[in-house]
Amino acid sequence: MRRVPILLACIALAALGAGLVPAASRWYAERNREAAFEQQRRAVRAETEAQTAELAVKKPQVLAELGALQAAGEHEKVLAKASRYRLANDREVQALYAQSAAQVNLKQTLQRMTAFAQAQCTSGNAVESAREAFAQAFPEAQPVVTTNWSAQRLETAAFAQPIRERLRALIDATDKRASLAHGQAQSGSALDALRGDHPPRLHPAVLLQLMRDTPEFPAVCVWHIAGTWGAAGQAGTPGKPFAMTMWLAPSATERTMTRDVLSLQGL
């Protein structure tokens, strides 16, 4: 008769143990996390105090070195050196870090845009972009045929000033869209029609690069497009010869190239 109580007692102890083991494991894991967190907090506090103390002694020297590196365009080195004092939370060091970080980001963005532009700057894409310009400028005309069109890539540096002047004219306009539409209404020229009602929607980084006083525009390509274009609504009429200078650059979406027409002969 005594075996039954003993057996029940063993079962109860086993059940109690089964419930205590997971709880004990959770408690042990939580204690370990708390200990690790406290250790990390002490390490950060010690590093903060060390960086603050070091910067307090070397700040004039550090600022001079960071300024010299930044003036020399060594922005990656500025980031590396300034990051040594990131926990000191010094405003002057942080300002220099932020300026160089912006320049590094701009450089990386331009490299990405340059790679994209070089992949897109093909004769086929140039002709297609010119075809789209004709189709949008003269929507009532017969379909644009490009079989006899040619595209020759030009040296971008030779067109740095015309492109920059064109962009300044667009930027300085109080109302770009109304200004361009007014220009079309006044002149009614084929050049204004091909340029369209909207300025090129350039990527901001590319626009900044274009407005700098440098002939190097690796994210831009310039093309000479020549061919013939049929008269509006007159199928079978011999096409009119034309030659246009057009430049392409990455758009704000980073997925397409935007265009602008610099000059047009013929038509």
Protein backbone atom coordinates (compact mmCIF):
# COMPACT_ATOMS: atom_id res chain seq x y z
CA MET A 1 0.00 0.00 0.00
CA ARG A 2 2.95 2.33 0.65
CA ARG A 3 4.16 2.03 -2.95
CA VAL A 4 1.31 4.14 -4.32
CA PRO A 5 2.12 7.28 -2.24
CA ILE A 6 5.81 6.88 -3.03
CA LEU A 7 5.05 6.57 -6.73
CA LEU A 8 2.82 9.64 -6.64
CA ALA A 9 5.50 11.57 -4.83
CA CYS A 10 8.07 10.64 -7.49
CA ILE A 11 5.73 11.72 -10.25
CA ALA A 12 5.09 15.03 -8.49
CA LEU A 13 8.81 15.68 -8.07
CA ALA A 14 9.44 14.88 -11.73
CA ALA A 15 6.69 17.25 -12.84
CA LEU A 16 8.01 19.96 -10.55
CA GLY A 17 11.50 19.47 -11.94
CA ALA A 18 10.24 19.62 -15.50
CA GLY A 19 8.65 22.98 -14.74
CA LEU A 20 11.64 24.39 -12.88
CA VAL A 21 14.27 23.53 -15.49
CA PRO A 22 12.97 25.93 -18.23
CA ALA A 23 12.44 28.68 -15.64
CA ALA A 24 15.96 28.22 -14.33
CA SER A 25 17.34 28.30 -17.88
CA ARG A 26 15.52 31.55 -18.62
CA TRP A 27 16.78 33.07 -15.38
CA TYR A 28 20.34 32.03 -16.14
CA ALA A 29 20.17 33.42 -19.71
CA GLU A 30 18.70 36.69 -18.45
CA ARG A 31 21.47 37.06 -15.86
CA ASN A 32 24.05 36.48 -18.59
CA ARG A 33 22.46 39.13 -20.83
CA GLU A 34 22.38 41.63 -18.00
CA ALA A 35 26.02 40.94 -17.16
CA ALA A 36 27.07 41.31 -20.80
CA PHE A 37 25.09 44.55 -21.15
CA GLU A 38 26.63 45.98 -18.01
CA GLN A 39 30.10 45.02 -19.21
CA GLN A 40 29.44 46.70 -22.57
CA ARG A 41 28.10 49.82 -20.87
CA ARG A 42 31.18 50.09 -18.68
CA ALA A 43 33.42 49.68 -21.74
CA VAL A 44 31.57 52.43 -23.64
CA ARG A 45 31.73 54.75 -20.65
CA ALA A 46 35.45 54.14 -20.26
CA GLU A 47 36.06 54.69 -24.00
CA THR A 48 33.99 57.88 -23.93
CA GLU A 49 36.01 59.23 -21.01
CA ALA A 50 39.26 58.29 -22.74
CA GLN A 51 38.30 59.95 -26.04
CA THR A 52 37.04 63.07 -24.27
CA ALA A 53 40.22 63.39 -22.25
CA GLU A 54 42.46 62.85 -25.27
CA LEU A 55 40.54 65.37 -27.38
CA ALA A 56 40.67 67.93 -24.59
CA VAL A 57 44.46 67.84 -24.82
CA LYS A 58 44.84 67.46 -28.61
CA LYS A 59 41.83 69.37 -29.94
CA PRO A 60 43.73 72.23 -31.66
CA GLN A 61 46.03 69.71 -33.32
CA VAL A 62 43.16 67.40 -34.29
CA LEU A 63 41.11 70.24 -35.80
CA ALA A 64 44.14 71.47 -37.76
CA GLU A 65 44.82 67.99 -39.14
CA LEU A 66 41.19 67.42 -40.06
CA GLY A 67 40.99 70.82 -41.75
CA ALA A 68 44.15 70.17 -43.76
CA LEU A 69 42.94 66.74 -44.88
CA GLN A 70 39.57 68.16 -45.84
CA ALA A 71 41.15 70.99 -47.83
CA ALA A 72 43.25 68.42 -49.68
CA GLY A 73 40.17 66.40 -50.58
CA GLU A 74 41.19 63.48 -48.35
CA HIS A 75 37.69 62.98 -47.03
CA GLU A 76 38.04 59.27 -46.29
CA LYS A 77 41.01 60.08 -44.03
CA VAL A 78 38.94 62.77 -42.32
CA LEU A 79 36.27 60.19 -41.54
CA ALA A 80 38.82 57.72 -40.22
CA LYS A 81 40.52 60.25 -37.95
CA ALA A 82 37.37 62.01 -36.75
CA SER A 83 35.69 58.69 -35.94
CA ARG A 84 38.38 58.10 -33.30
CA TYR A 85 36.65 60.83 -31.26
CA ARG A 86 33.03 60.06 -32.10
CA LEU A 87 32.12 59.32 -28.46
CA ALA A 88 33.51 62.65 -27.29
CA ASN A 89 30.52 64.30 -28.99
CA ASP A 90 32.48 67.44 -29.93
CA ARG A 91 30.54 69.79 -32.22
CA GLU A 92 33.53 71.03 -34.23
CA VAL A 93 34.82 67.55 -34.91
CA GLN A 94 31.31 66.37 -35.77
CA ALA A 95 30.87 69.26 -38.21
CA LEU A 96 34.06 68.35 -40.07
CA TYR A 97 33.02 64.70 -40.08
CA ALA A 98 29.59 65.55 -41.52
CA GLN A 99 31.10 67.70 -44.28
CA SER A 100 33.49 64.98 -45.38
CA ALA A 101 30.80 62.30 -45.08
CA ALA A 102 28.66 64.32 -47.49
CA GLN A 103 31.55 64.56 -49.95
CA VAL A 104 32.24 60.82 -49.73
CA ASN A 105 28.56 60.11 -50.32
CA LEU A 106 28.54 62.47 -53.31
CA LYS A 107 31.64 60.79 -54.74
CA GLN A 108 30.09 57.33 -54.39
CA THR A 109 26.84 58.52 -55.94
CA LEU A 110 28.66 60.05 -58.91
CA GLN A 111 30.62 56.84 -59.40
CA ARG A 112 27.34 54.93 -59.50
CA MET A 113 25.79 57.45 -61.89
CA THR A 114 28.89 57.38 -64.10
CA ALA A 115 28.75 53.60 -64.38
CA PHE A 116 25.04 53.79 -65.21
CA ALA A 117 25.59 56.51 -67.83
CA GLN A 118 28.42 54.68 -69.52
CA ALA A 119 26.21 51.61 -69.83
CA GLN A 120 23.36 53.67 -71.29
CA CYS A 121 25.40 55.94 -73.57
CA THR A 122 25.14 53.85 -76.72
CA SER A 123 24.37 54.97 -80.26
CA GLY A 124 21.16 52.95 -80.20
CA ASN A 125 19.93 54.68 -77.06
CA ALA A 126 20.93 58.07 -78.45
CA VAL A 127 18.91 57.53 -81.62
CA GLU A 128 15.95 56.26 -79.61
CA SER A 129 16.08 59.31 -77.35
CA ALA A 130 16.12 61.58 -80.41
CA ARG A 131 13.19 59.65 -81.88
CA GLU A 132 11.23 60.15 -78.65
CA ALA A 133 12.00 63.87 -78.78
CA PHE A 134 10.54 64.10 -82.31
CA ALA A 135 7.50 62.01 -81.38
CA GLN A 136 6.73 64.19 -78.36
CA ALA A 137 7.43 67.46 -80.18
CA PHE A 138 5.22 66.62 -83.18
CA PRO A 139 2.57 64.15 -81.99
CA GLU A 140 0.38 64.70 -85.06
CA ALA A 141 3.14 63.88 -87.52
CA GLN A 142 3.55 60.55 -89.23
CA PRO A 143 5.47 57.87 -87.26
CA VAL A 144 9.17 58.67 -86.93
CA VAL A 145 11.40 56.35 -88.95
CA THR A 146 15.04 56.19 -87.83
CA THR A 147 16.50 53.66 -90.26
CA ASN A 148 18.63 56.32 -91.97
CA TRP A 149 19.64 58.15 -88.79
CA SER A 150 23.21 58.13 -87.52
CA ALA A 151 24.67 58.86 -84.09
CA GLN A 152 28.22 59.99 -83.39
CA ARG A 153 29.46 60.47 -79.86
CA LEU A 154 31.20 63.79 -79.24
CA GLU A 155 33.77 64.91 -76.70
CA THR A 156 31.83 66.05 -73.64
CA ALA A 157 34.43 68.59 -72.54
CA ALA A 158 33.89 70.58 -75.74
CA PHE A 159 30.28 71.21 -74.70
CA ALA A 160 30.84 71.91 -71.02
CA GLN A 161 30.15 75.63 -71.33
CA PRO A 162 27.03 75.36 -73.55
CA ILE A 163 25.54 72.75 -71.22
CA ARG A 164 26.32 74.87 -68.17
CA GLU A 165 24.80 77.96 -69.79
CA ARG A 166 21.69 76.02 -70.74
CA LEU A 167 21.25 74.77 -67.18
CA ARG A 168 21.77 78.23 -65.71
CA ALA A 169 19.08 79.60 -68.01
CA LEU A 170 16.67 76.94 -66.78
CA ILE A 171 17.57 77.37 -63.12
CA ASP A 172 17.36 81.17 -63.23
CA ALA A 173 13.90 81.14 -64.76
CA THR A 174 11.28 82.14 -62.20
CA ASP A 175 8.81 79.66 -63.60
CA LYS A 176 10.62 77.12 -65.75
CA ARG A 177 7.56 75.54 -67.26
CA ALA A 178 5.80 78.82 -68.10
CA SER A 179 9.02 80.33 -69.39
CA LEU A 180 9.69 77.44 -71.76
CA ALA A 181 6.09 77.37 -72.97
CA HIS A 182 6.23 81.11 -73.57
CA GLY A 183 9.45 80.68 -75.56
CA GLN A 184 7.78 78.04 -77.74
CA ALA A 185 4.79 80.27 -78.38
CA GLN A 186 7.02 83.19 -79.29
CA SER A 187 9.47 81.47 -81.61
CA GLY A 188 7.62 78.34 -82.68
CA SER A 189 10.98 76.90 -83.64
CA ALA A 190 11.65 73.20 -84.11
CA LEU A 191 14.45 73.48 -81.52
CA ASP A 192 12.01 74.70 -78.84
CA ALA A 193 9.58 71.95 -79.82
CA LEU A 194 12.26 69.27 -79.47
CA ARG A 195 13.31 70.64 -76.09
CA GLY A 196 9.74 70.35 -74.87
CA ASP A 197 7.87 72.02 -72.07
CA HIS A 198 9.96 70.57 -69.26
CA PRO A 199 13.65 70.97 -68.39
CA PRO A 200 15.73 67.79 -68.12
CA ARG A 201 15.03 66.09 -64.80
CA LEU A 202 18.63 65.51 -63.78
CA HIS A 203 19.88 63.55 -60.82
CA PRO A 204 20.87 66.12 -58.13
CA ALA A 205 24.42 64.81 -57.87
CA VAL A 206 24.88 65.03 -61.64
CA LEU A 207 23.43 68.55 -61.68
CA LEU A 208 25.90 69.59 -58.98
CA GLN A 209 28.75 68.11 -60.99
CA LEU A 210 27.61 69.90 -64.14
CA MET A 211 27.48 73.27 -62.40
CA ARG A 212 31.03 73.00 -61.10
CA ASP A 213 33.74 74.78 -63.02
CA THR A 214 35.24 71.68 -64.58
CA PRO A 215 35.11 70.17 -68.08
CA GLU A 216 34.95 66.63 -66.70
CA PHE A 217 31.42 65.24 -66.86
CA PRO A 218 31.85 61.44 -66.80
CA ALA A 219 28.13 60.92 -66.16
CA VAL A 220 27.15 62.87 -69.30
CA CYS A 221 27.44 62.01 -72.99
CA VAL A 222 26.94 64.27 -76.01
CA TRP A 223 25.77 63.03 -79.41
CA HIS A 224 25.53 64.30 -82.97
CA ILE A 225 22.34 62.85 -84.48
CA ALA A 226 21.74 63.23 -88.21
CA GLY A 227 19.04 61.96 -90.55
CA THR A 228 15.79 62.94 -92.21
CA TRP A 229 12.35 63.57 -90.77
CA GLY A 230 9.10 63.47 -92.71
CA ALA A 231 6.72 66.45 -92.85
CA ALA A 232 3.72 66.42 -90.53
CA GLY A 233 0.70 64.61 -91.88
CA GLN A 234 2.22 64.04 -95.31
CA ALA A 235 2.97 60.36 -95.67
CA GLY A 236 5.27 59.66 -98.57
CA THR A 237 6.67 63.18 -98.63
CA PRO A 238 10.49 63.19 -98.82
CA GLY A 239 12.00 63.72 -95.40
CA LYS A 240 13.76 66.90 -94.41
CA PRO A 241 17.41 66.54 -93.43
CA PHE A 242 18.44 67.59 -89.93
CA ALA A 243 21.40 67.45 -87.59
CA MET A 244 21.09 67.93 -83.84
CA THR A 245 23.43 68.02 -80.87
CA MET A 246 21.91 66.31 -77.85
CA TRP A 247 23.25 65.39 -74.42
CA LEU A 248 22.12 62.62 -72.09
CA ALA A 249 22.55 62.26 -68.33
CA PRO A 250 21.08 60.15 -65.51
CA SER A 251 17.64 61.26 -64.40
CA ALA A 252 16.44 61.85 -60.86
CA THR A 253 14.94 58.35 -60.78
CA GLU A 254 18.38 56.74 -61.31
CA ARG A 255 16.68 54.34 -63.73
CA THR A 256 16.59 56.31 -66.98
CA MET A 257 18.58 58.89 -68.92
CA THR A 258 17.15 62.35 -69.43
CA ARG A 259 17.95 64.44 -72.49
CA ASP A 260 18.32 67.99 -73.69
CA VAL A 261 18.90 69.40 -77.18
CA LEU A 262 21.71 71.95 -77.50
CA SER A 263 21.39 72.81 -81.18
CA LEU A 264 19.51 71.92 -84.34
CA GLN A 265 20.26 72.44 -88.02
CA GLY A 266 17.82 71.85 -90.85
CA LEU A 267 14.09 71.35 -90.73
